[in-house]
C-alpha atoms as a PDB file:
ATOM      1  CA  THR A   1     100.570 133.805 175.822  1.00  0.00           C
ATOM      2  CA  THR A   2      99.829 130.181 174.680  1.00  0.00           C
ATOM      3  CA  VAL A   3      96.979 129.549 172.469  1.00  0.00           C
ATOM      4  CA  ALA A   4      94.538 126.448 172.749  1.00  0.00           C
ATOM      5  CA  ASN A   5      93.763 124.217 169.807  1.00  0.00           C
ATOM      6  CA  ASP A   6      90.297 125.800 169.468  1.00  0.00           C
ATOM      7  CA  GLY A   7      91.974 129.388 169.383  1.00  0.00           C
ATOM      8  CA  THR A   8      91.270 130.616 172.886  1.00  0.00           C
ATOM      9  CA  PHE A   9      93.576 131.929 175.099  1.00  0.00           C
ATOM     10  CA  SER A  10      94.162 134.081 178.351  1.00  0.00           C
ATOM     11  CA  MET A  11      96.477 136.851 179.226  1.00  0.00           C
ATOM     12  CA  GLU A  12      96.825 139.405 181.929  1.00  0.00           C
ATOM     13  CA  VAL A  13      97.373 143.248 181.193  1.00  0.00           C
ATOM     14  CA  PRO A  14      98.230 146.172 183.224  1.00  0.00           C
ATOM     15  CA  GLU A  15      95.218 148.286 184.422  1.00  0.00           C
ATOM     16  CA  TRP A  16      96.355 151.341 182.215  1.00  0.00           C
ATOM     17  CA  LEU A  17      95.944 149.446 179.014  1.00  0.00           C
ATOM     18  CA  LYS A  18      92.769 150.526 177.347  1.00  0.00           C
ATOM     19  CA  THR A  19      92.546 148.373 174.040  1.00  0.00           C
ATOM     20  CA  ILE A  20      94.062 145.151 172.703  1.00  0.00           C
ATOM     21  CA  THR A  21      94.691 144.607 169.248  1.00  0.00           C
ATOM     22  CA  VAL A  22      94.962 141.092 167.679  1.00  0.00           C
ATOM     23  CA  GLU A  23      96.872 140.561 164.379  1.00  0.00           C
ATOM     24  CA  LYS A  24      97.239 137.585 162.354  1.00  0.00           C
ATOM     25  CA  PRO A  25      98.711 137.376 158.637  1.00  0.00           C
ATOM     26  CA  GLY A  26      96.368 137.267 156.036  1.00  0.00           C
ATOM     27  CA  TYR A  27      93.727 138.601 158.529  1.00  0.00           C
ATOM     28  CA  ARG A  28      92.273 141.976 159.095  1.00  0.00           C
ATOM     29  CA  CYS A  29      93.452 143.612 162.705  1.00  0.00           C
ATOM     30  CA  SER A  30      90.818 143.219 165.344  1.00  0.00           C
ATOM     31  CA  LYS A  31      90.578 145.992 167.981  1.00  0.00           C
ATOM     32  CA  LYS A  32      88.664 145.678 171.225  1.00  0.00           C
ATOM     33  CA  LYS A  33      88.401 147.866 174.522  1.00  0.00           C
ATOM     34  CA  VAL A  34      89.609 145.856 177.430  1.00  0.00           C
ATOM     35  CA  GLY A  35      87.100 144.725 179.868  1.00  0.00           C
ATOM     36  CA  ASP A  36      86.396 142.431 182.888  1.00  0.00           C
ATOM     37  CA  ASP A  37      84.389 140.034 180.804  1.00  0.00           C
ATOM     38  CA  GLU A  38      85.453 137.591 178.125  1.00  0.00           C
ATOM     39  CA  MET A  39      86.609 139.385 175.041  1.00  0.00           C
ATOM     40  CA  LEU A  40      85.795 137.488 171.696  1.00  0.00           C
ATOM     41  CA  PHE A  41      87.744 138.567 168.563  1.00  0.00           C
ATOM     42  CA  ARG A  42      86.391 137.663 165.199  1.00  0.00           C
ATOM     43  CA  MET A  43      89.137 137.749 162.608  1.00  0.00           C
ATOM     44  CA  LYS A  44      87.850 138.461 159.046  1.00  0.00           C
ATOM     45  CA  LYS A  45      90.351 137.139 156.129  1.00  0.00           C
ATOM     46  CA  TYR A  46      91.518 139.142 153.404  1.00  0.00           C
ATOM     47  CA  ALA A  47      91.255 137.334 149.877  1.00  0.00           C
ATOM     48  CA  TRP A  48      93.676 138.304 147.495  1.00  0.00           C
ATOM     49  CA  PHE A  49      93.373 137.746 143.672  1.00  0.00           C
ATOM     50  CA  VAL A  50      95.077 137.776 140.315  1.00  0.00           C
ATOM     51  CA  ASN A  51      93.300 138.157 136.999  1.00  0.00           C
ATOM     52  CA  ALA A  52      94.425 138.173 133.467  1.00  0.00           C
ATOM     53  CA  ASN A  53      92.491 140.916 131.539  1.00  0.00           C
ATOM     54  CA  LEU A  54      92.056 141.405 128.094  1.00  0.00           C
ATOM     55  CA  ALA A  55      90.509 144.900 126.662  1.00  0.00           C
ATOM     56  CA  CYS A  56      89.546 145.538 122.938  1.00  0.00           C
ATOM     57  CA  THR A  57      89.180 149.231 121.806  1.00  0.00           C
ATOM     58  CA  ALA A  58      85.719 149.513 120.621  1.00  0.00           C
ATOM     59  CA  PHE A  59      85.097 153.341 120.344  1.00  0.00           C
ATOM     60  CA  ALA A  60      87.990 155.456 119.288  1.00  0.00           C
ATOM     61  CA  ASN A  61      89.706 157.107 116.187  1.00  0.00           C
ATOM     62  CA  GLU A  62      88.862 154.583 112.958  1.00  0.00           C
ATOM     63  CA  ASP A  63      92.321 153.224 112.965  1.00  0.00           C
ATOM     64  CA  VAL A  64      92.687 152.472 116.708  1.00  0.00           C
ATOM     65  CA  LYS A  65      89.497 150.245 116.815  1.00  0.00           C
ATOM     66  CA  GLY A  66      90.082 146.852 117.623  1.00  0.00           C
ATOM     67  CA  THR A  67      93.342 147.090 119.004  1.00  0.00           C
ATOM     68  CA  LEU A  68      94.283 144.836 122.150  1.00  0.00           C
ATOM     69  CA  ARG A  69      95.582 145.511 125.557  1.00  0.00           C
ATOM     70  CA  PRO A  70      96.348 142.664 127.550  1.00  0.00           C
ATOM     71  CA  GLY A  71      97.206 142.943 131.101  1.00  0.00           C
ATOM     72  CA  ILE A  72      97.131 141.851 134.754  1.00  0.00           C
ATOM     73  CA  MET A  73      95.024 143.113 137.599  1.00  0.00           C
ATOM     74  CA  PHE A  74      95.701 142.056 141.166  1.00  0.00           C
ATOM     75  CA  GLY A  75      94.346 143.193 144.681  1.00  0.00           C
ATOM     76  CA  THR A  76      92.251 142.299 147.554  1.00  0.00           C
ATOM     77  CA  ILE A  77      88.424 141.500 147.788  1.00  0.00           C
ATOM     78  CA  ALA A  78      86.342 142.106 151.098  1.00  0.00           C
ATOM     79  CA  ASN A  79      84.131 144.485 152.330  1.00  0.00           C
ATOM     80  CA  TRP A  80      86.484 147.104 150.944  1.00  0.00           C
ATOM     81  CA  GLY A  81      89.616 146.561 149.036  1.00  0.00           C
ATOM     82  CA  PHE A  82      92.024 147.773 146.782  1.00  0.00           C
ATOM     83  CA  TYR A  83      93.381 146.667 143.274  1.00  0.00           C
ATOM     84  CA  SER A  84      95.963 147.699 140.602  1.00  0.00           C
ATOM     85  CA  LYS A  85      95.912 147.079 136.812  1.00  0.00           C
ATOM     86  CA  ILE A  86      98.910 147.160 134.467  1.00  0.00           C
ATOM     87  CA  ALA A  87      98.287 146.737 130.612  1.00  0.00           C
ATOM     88  CA  LEU A  88     100.354 146.760 127.669  1.00  0.00           C
ATOM     89  CA  GLY A  89      98.891 147.628 124.329  1.00  0.00           C
ATOM     90  CA  TYR A  90     100.615 147.549 121.105  1.00  0.00           C
ATOM     91  CA  TYR A  91      99.651 149.939 118.045  1.00  0.00           C
ATOM     92  CA  HIS A  92     103.168 150.600 116.347  1.00  0.00           C
ATOM     93  CA  ASN A  93     104.649 151.155 119.842  1.00  0.00           C
ATOM     94  CA  PHE A  94     104.260 149.618 123.159  1.00  0.00           C
ATOM     95  CA  ASP A  95     101.427 151.569 125.005  1.00  0.00           C
ATOM     96  CA  PRO A  96     101.048 151.191 128.662  1.00  0.00           C
ATOM     97  CA  ALA A  97      98.363 151.452 131.111  1.00  0.00           C
ATOM     98  CA  PHE A  98      98.547 151.550 134.832  1.00  0.00           C
ATOM     99  CA  VAL A  99      95.395 152.132 137.322  1.00  0.00           C
ATOM    100  CA  VAL A 100      94.961 151.879 140.986  1.00  0.00           C
ATOM    101  CA  GLY A 101      91.675 151.832 142.797  1.00  0.00           C
ATOM    102  CA  PHE A 102      89.364 150.253 145.046  1.00  0.00           C
ATOM    103  CA  THR A 103      87.024 147.099 145.457  1.00  0.00           C
ATOM    104  CA  LYS A 104      83.573 146.880 147.003  1.00  0.00           C
ATOM    105  CA  ARG A 105      81.444 143.929 148.070  1.00  0.00           C
ATOM    106  CA  LEU A 106      77.898 144.042 146.662  1.00  0.00           C
ATOM    107  CA  LYS A 107      76.814 140.359 147.142  1.00  0.00           C
ATOM    108  CA  GLU A 108      78.057 138.276 149.957  1.00  0.00           C
ATOM    109  CA  ASN A 109      81.379 136.813 148.731  1.00  0.00           C
ATOM    110  CA  ARG A 110      80.127 136.627 145.134  1.00  0.00           C
ATOM    111  CA  VAL A 111      80.170 140.001 143.365  1.00  0.00           C
ATOM    112  CA  TYR A 112      82.532 142.951 143.761  1.00  0.00           C
ATOM    113  CA  LEU A 113      82.668 146.509 142.079  1.00  0.00           C
ATOM    114  CA  TYR A 114      85.881 147.976 141.093  1.00  0.00           C
ATOM    115  CA  SER A 115      86.768 151.539 140.121  1.00  0.00           C
ATOM    116  CA  GLY A 116      89.853 153.245 139.631  1.00  0.00           C
ATOM    117  CA  LEU A 117      91.801 155.944 138.007  1.00  0.00           C
ATOM    118  CA  GLY A 118      95.252 155.892 136.273  1.00  0.00           C
ATOM    119  CA  VAL A 119      97.315 156.735 133.364  1.00  0.00           C
ATOM    120  CA  ALA A 120      97.387 155.345 129.790  1.00  0.00           C
ATOM    121  CA  CYS A 121      98.589 155.865 126.412  1.00  0.00           C
ATOM    122  CA  VAL A 122      95.738 157.022 124.100  1.00  0.00           C
ATOM    123  CA  ARG A 123      96.583 155.620 120.760  1.00  0.00           C
ATOM    124  CA  HIS A 124      95.753 157.683 117.432  1.00  0.00           C
ATOM    125  CA  SER A 125      97.136 158.649 113.990  1.00  0.00           C
ATOM    126  CA  HIS A 126      98.709 162.004 113.385  1.00  0.00           C
ATOM    127  CA  GLU A 127      95.848 164.007 111.505  1.00  0.00           C
ATOM    128  CA  GLU A 128      96.753 166.165 108.581  1.00  0.00           C
ATOM    129  CA  TYR A 129      94.694 168.534 106.673  1.00  0.00           C
ATOM    130  CA  ASP A 130      95.082 169.338 102.910  1.00  0.00           C
ATOM    131  CA  SER A 131      94.014 172.363 101.259  1.00  0.00           C
ATOM    132  CA  PHE A 132      90.326 171.064 101.129  1.00  0.00           C
ATOM    133  CA  ASP A 133      90.005 170.257 104.397  1.00  0.00           C
ATOM    134  CA  ARG A 134      90.120 166.658 104.237  1.00  0.00           C
ATOM    135  CA  ILE A 135      91.708 164.622 106.855  1.00  0.00           C
ATOM    136  CA  SER A 136      94.415 162.077 106.127  1.00  0.00           C
ATOM    137  CA  TYR A 137      96.093 159.981 108.755  1.00  0.00           C
ATOM    138  CA  ASN A 138      99.664 158.856 109.276  1.00  0.00           C
ATOM    139  CA  ASP A 139     102.296 158.205 111.619  1.00  0.00           C
ATOM    140  CA  PRO A 140     100.653 156.268 114.223  1.00  0.00           C
ATOM    141  CA  CYS A 141     101.461 157.482 117.714  1.00  0.00           C
ATOM    142  CA  SER A 142     100.076 157.970 121.223  1.00  0.00           C
ATOM    143  CA  ASP A 143      99.719 160.607 123.996  1.00  0.00           C
ATOM    144  CA  TYR A 144      99.496 159.937 127.647  1.00  0.00           C
ATOM    145  CA  GLY A 145      96.166 160.827 129.288  1.00  0.00           C
ATOM    146  CA  VAL A 146      93.950 159.714 132.302  1.00  0.00           C
ATOM    147  CA  MET A 147      92.217 156.250 132.404  1.00  0.00           C
ATOM    148  CA  LEU A 148      89.073 155.782 134.369  1.00  0.00           C
ATOM    149  CA  ASP A 149      88.112 151.967 134.964  1.00  0.00           C
ATOM    150  CA  LEU A 150      84.994 150.543 136.190  1.00  0.00           C
ATOM    151  CA  GLY A 151      83.572 146.605 136.254  1.00  0.00           C
ATOM    152  CA  LEU A 152      82.636 143.795 138.112  1.00  0.00           C
ATOM    153  CA  ILE A 153      84.608 141.030 139.943  1.00  0.00           C
ATOM    154  CA  ILE A 154      82.297 137.778 139.982  1.00  0.00           C
ATOM    155  CA  ASN A 155      83.437 134.712 141.955  1.00  0.00           C
ATOM    156  CA  LEU A 156      82.496 131.978 139.916  1.00  0.00           C
ATOM    157  CA  THR A 157      83.682 129.479 142.506  1.00  0.00           C
ATOM    158  CA  LYS A 158      85.679 129.793 145.658  1.00  0.00           C
ATOM    159  CA  LYS A 159      88.845 129.897 143.726  1.00  0.00           C
ATOM    160  CA  MET A 160      87.945 131.426 140.443  1.00  0.00           C
ATOM    161  CA  ASN A 161      86.495 134.624 139.343  1.00  0.00           C
ATOM    162  CA  LEU A 162      85.519 136.656 136.258  1.00  0.00           C
ATOM    163  CA  THR A 163      86.021 140.277 135.746  1.00  0.00           C
ATOM    164  CA  LEU A 164      83.666 142.335 133.269  1.00  0.00           C
ATOM    165  CA  GLY A 165      84.405 145.807 132.878  1.00  0.00           C
ATOM    166  CA  THR A 166      85.063 148.959 130.755  1.00  0.00           C
ATOM    167  CA  SER A 167      88.176 151.707 130.694  1.00  0.00           C
ATOM    168  CA  ILE A 168      87.921 155.204 129.189  1.00  0.00           C
ATOM    169  CA  SER A 169      91.081 156.816 128.305  1.00  0.00           C
ATOM    170  CA  LYS A 170      91.122 160.462 127.305  1.00  0.00           C
ATOM    171  CA  ASP A 171      94.326 162.415 126.465  1.00  0.00           C
ATOM    172  CA  PHE A 172      94.830 166.053 126.748  1.00  0.00           C
ATOM    173  CA  GLU A 173      93.997 167.119 123.162  1.00  0.00           C
ATOM    174  CA  GLY A 174      90.482 165.347 123.596  1.00  0.00           C
ATOM    175  CA  ARG A 175      91.120 162.023 122.011  1.00  0.00           C
ATOM    176  CA  TYR A 176      89.619 159.127 123.946  1.00  0.00           C
ATOM    177  CA  GLU A 177      89.543 155.249 123.520  1.00  0.00           C
ATOM    178  CA  LEU A 178      86.804 152.930 125.078  1.00  0.00           C
ATOM    179  CA  GLU A 179      87.806 149.691 125.745  1.00  0.00           C
ATOM    180  CA  PRO A 180      85.431 146.784 126.966  1.00  0.00           C
ATOM    181  CA  GLN A 181      87.272 144.185 128.816  1.00  0.00           C
ATOM    182  CA  ILE A 182      87.187 140.721 130.331  1.00  0.00           C
ATOM    183  CA  GLY A 183      89.337 138.758 132.410  1.00  0.00           C
ATOM    184  CA  ILE A 184      89.732 135.411 134.388  1.00  0.00           C
ATOM    185  CA  GLY A 185      91.706 134.784 137.641  1.00  0.00           C
ATOM    186  CA  TYR A 186      92.369 132.858 140.976  1.00  0.00           C
ATOM    187  CA  CYS A 187      91.594 133.969 144.366  1.00  0.00           C
ATOM    188  CA  PHE A 188      93.546 133.372 147.363  1.00  0.00           C
ATOM    189  CA  TRP A 189      91.336 132.733 150.363  1.00  0.00           C
END
C-alpha cells in the first residue's frame, strides 16, 4: 500500500475481513468496519508530558511541617491518559514516594484532572511518654503508607504546562502528611 502526500491510500482486502485497524507511532489506534464506501480514519495524537514537581508538607506532625519532597511526574494527556510520579523527600533519611494514576481532559486541550494512588514514606518522630503523660519527640523515622494524589494539569502554552495539586499520605499507625504541590513541565505533542 502506498500513501499519497495528502494521506490517502487504497487497498484491496479479502471478503472475510470485517475490520481494519490503522496504527501510527504517537497516535491512538483507529479501528473501522470494512464497507463498500470510502473509509475515513481520524488519527488522534497522544501528548506526552514531563514535569518537575515540588511538594511541601503543610499538615502533619509538628516536627515534619515544612519538609520538601521534590519529584518528577510524566505521562500522557488526551481525553483519558495515565501518569506516574516519583518523589524523594529527605527527613533525616531519604523518603521515597511512587504514584500511578489517570489523567482526564476537563477543558479542550487546556485543563486536565489527575488522580492516583501509590506508596509513600510518612515521616515522623518516634514519640515517647514520660510518667506524666508528656510527649517528647526523638529519633526521626518514617513508615510506609498509602498516598492519594489529586490535582490539575494546566496547559499554559502548547508546549508548557503547570501542575497544581495535593497528596495525602497515611501510614498504618494513623500518622499522615498533607502536601500541597506545584510543578512546571513540557508537553510533547
